[in-house]
């Protein structure tokens, strides 16, 4: 389930601090009121985390992971390495 950030449209409140984050399913209806103070809220576009860029997979790493590594020969056929 994704995390959504919300902020109050106007004013502030002590329970939510004017800004809060909720984990909601994609199928849930859009949130229009703060669950704590019942004032109108809007969703804030926030940053996201992505996986770190990893090094390319080498032949030896692929073999260790259980993959079959094939090499193309001059005739266009492939053979196991």
C-alpha atoms as a PDB file:
ATOM      1  CA  UNK A   1       0.000   0.000   0.000  1.00  0.00           C
ATOM      2  CA  UNK A   2       1.371   3.415  -0.878  1.00  0.00           C
ATOM      3  CA  UNK A   3       1.918   6.250   1.576  1.00  0.00           C
ATOM      4  CA  UNK A   4      -0.006   9.464   0.950  1.00  0.00           C
ATOM      5  CA  UNK A   5       0.817  12.834   2.496  1.00  0.00           C
ATOM      6  CA  UNK A   6      -1.959  15.300   3.295  1.00  0.00           C
ATOM      7  CA  UNK A   7      -2.102  18.858   4.578  1.00  0.00           C
ATOM      8  CA  UNK A   8      -4.944  21.006   5.827  1.00  0.00           C
ATOM      9  CA  UNK A   9      -6.383  23.410   3.264  1.00  0.00           C
ATOM     10  CA  UNK A  10      -6.508  26.163   5.885  1.00  0.00           C
ATOM     11  CA  UNK A  11      -5.634  26.586   9.541  1.00  0.00           C
ATOM     12  CA  UNK A  12      -3.923  24.037  11.747  1.00  0.00           C
ATOM     13  CA  UNK A  13      -4.778  21.615  14.518  1.00  0.00           C
ATOM     14  CA  UNK A  14      -2.829  20.062  17.385  1.00  0.00           C
ATOM     15  CA  UNK A  15      -3.653  16.361  16.758  1.00  0.00           C
ATOM     16  CA  UNK A  16      -2.377  16.247  13.172  1.00  0.00           C
ATOM     17  CA  UNK A  17      -0.080  19.277  13.174  1.00  0.00           C
ATOM     18  CA  UNK A  18      -1.551  20.484   9.879  1.00  0.00           C
ATOM     19  CA  UNK A  19       0.226  17.740   7.913  1.00  0.00           C
ATOM     20  CA  UNK A  20       0.080  13.944   8.176  1.00  0.00           C
ATOM     21  CA  UNK A  21       0.892  10.731   6.294  1.00  0.00           C
ATOM     22  CA  UNK A  22      -1.432   7.761   5.815  1.00  0.00           C
ATOM     23  CA  UNK A  23      -0.984   4.319   4.291  1.00  0.00           C
ATOM     24  CA  UNK A  24      -4.008   3.712   2.073  1.00  0.00           C
ATOM     25  CA  UNK A  25      -4.866   1.103  -0.575  1.00  0.00           C
ATOM     26  CA  UNK A  26      -5.092   2.238  -4.199  1.00  0.00           C
ATOM     27  CA  UNK A  27      -8.766   1.270  -4.273  1.00  0.00           C
ATOM     28  CA  UNK A  28      -9.681   3.614  -1.361  1.00  0.00           C
ATOM     29  CA  UNK A  29     -11.734   6.712  -2.070  1.00  0.00           C
ATOM     30  CA  UNK A  30      -9.966  10.061  -1.986  1.00  0.00           C
ATOM     31  CA  UNK A  31      -9.578  11.495   1.511  1.00  0.00           C
ATOM     32  CA  UNK A  32     -11.249  14.903   1.836  1.00  0.00           C
ATOM     33  CA  UNK A  33     -11.276  15.449   5.631  1.00  0.00           C
ATOM     34  CA  UNK A  34      -8.670  15.030   8.335  1.00  0.00           C
ATOM     35  CA  UNK A  35      -9.429  11.919  10.435  1.00  0.00           C
ATOM     36  CA  UNK A  36      -8.493  13.814  13.634  1.00  0.00           C
ATOM     37  CA  UNK A  37     -10.054  17.283  13.262  1.00  0.00           C
ATOM     38  CA  UNK A  38     -12.482  16.746  10.328  1.00  0.00           C
ATOM     39  CA  UNK A  39     -11.211  19.844   8.462  1.00  0.00           C
ATOM     40  CA  UNK A  40     -10.757  19.770   4.649  1.00  0.00           C
ATOM     41  CA  UNK A  41      -7.417  18.378   3.434  1.00  0.00           C
ATOM     42  CA  UNK A  42      -5.573  18.103   0.121  1.00  0.00           C
ATOM     43  CA  UNK A  43      -3.078  15.501  -0.988  1.00  0.00           C
ATOM     44  CA  UNK A  44       0.529  16.683  -1.283  1.00  0.00           C
ATOM     45  CA  UNK A  45       2.785  15.411  -4.057  1.00  0.00           C
ATOM     46  CA  UNK A  46       5.849  14.081  -2.276  1.00  0.00           C
ATOM     47  CA  UNK A  47       9.120  12.450  -3.186  1.00  0.00           C
ATOM     48  CA  UNK A  48       9.452   8.722  -3.629  1.00  0.00           C
ATOM     49  CA  UNK A  49      12.193   6.227  -2.983  1.00  0.00           C
ATOM     50  CA  UNK A  50      13.633   4.121  -5.758  1.00  0.00           C
ATOM     51  CA  UNK A  51      16.051   1.234  -5.556  1.00  0.00           C
ATOM     52  CA  UNK A  52      19.705   2.139  -5.626  1.00  0.00           C
ATOM     53  CA  UNK A  53      21.442   1.685  -8.941  1.00  0.00           C
ATOM     54  CA  UNK A  54      23.198  -1.656  -8.873  1.00  0.00           C
ATOM     55  CA  UNK A  55      26.236  -2.839 -10.764  1.00  0.00           C
ATOM     56  CA  UNK A  56      25.627  -4.813 -13.978  1.00  0.00           C
ATOM     57  CA  UNK A  57      25.338  -8.567 -13.573  1.00  0.00           C
ATOM     58  CA  UNK A  58      28.520 -10.387 -14.606  1.00  0.00           C
ATOM     59  CA  UNK A  59      28.729 -13.868 -16.126  1.00  0.00           C
ATOM     60  CA  UNK A  60      30.115 -15.351 -12.917  1.00  0.00           C
ATOM     61  CA  UNK A  61      27.325 -13.697 -10.856  1.00  0.00           C
ATOM     62  CA  UNK A  62      24.702 -15.060 -13.257  1.00  0.00           C
ATOM     63  CA  UNK A  63      26.155 -18.581 -13.002  1.00  0.00           C
ATOM     64  CA  UNK A  64      26.211 -18.363  -9.184  1.00  0.00           C
ATOM     65  CA  UNK A  65      22.548 -17.297  -9.238  1.00  0.00           C
ATOM     66  CA  UNK A  66      21.642 -20.411 -11.231  1.00  0.00           C
ATOM     67  CA  UNK A  67      21.232 -18.916 -14.707  1.00  0.00           C
ATOM     68  CA  UNK A  68      22.516 -20.644 -17.828  1.00  0.00           C
ATOM     69  CA  UNK A  69      24.948 -18.381 -19.650  1.00  0.00           C
ATOM     70  CA  UNK A  70      25.000 -18.753 -23.447  1.00  0.00           C
ATOM     71  CA  UNK A  71      27.588 -17.406 -25.872  1.00  0.00           C
ATOM     72  CA  UNK A  72      26.976 -16.706 -29.544  1.00  0.00           C
ATOM     73  CA  UNK A  73      29.374 -18.412 -31.937  1.00  0.00           C
ATOM     74  CA  UNK A  74      30.490 -17.157 -35.358  1.00  0.00           C
ATOM     75  CA  UNK A  75      27.894 -19.311 -37.098  1.00  0.00           C
ATOM     76  CA  UNK A  76      25.058 -17.611 -35.216  1.00  0.00           C
ATOM     77  CA  UNK A  77      24.324 -20.551 -32.923  1.00  0.00           C
ATOM     78  CA  UNK A  78      24.506 -20.368 -29.134  1.00  0.00           C
ATOM     79  CA  UNK A  79      26.440 -22.673 -26.859  1.00  0.00           C
ATOM     80  CA  UNK A  80      26.717 -22.971 -23.078  1.00  0.00           C
ATOM     81  CA  UNK A  81      29.682 -21.285 -21.459  1.00  0.00           C
END
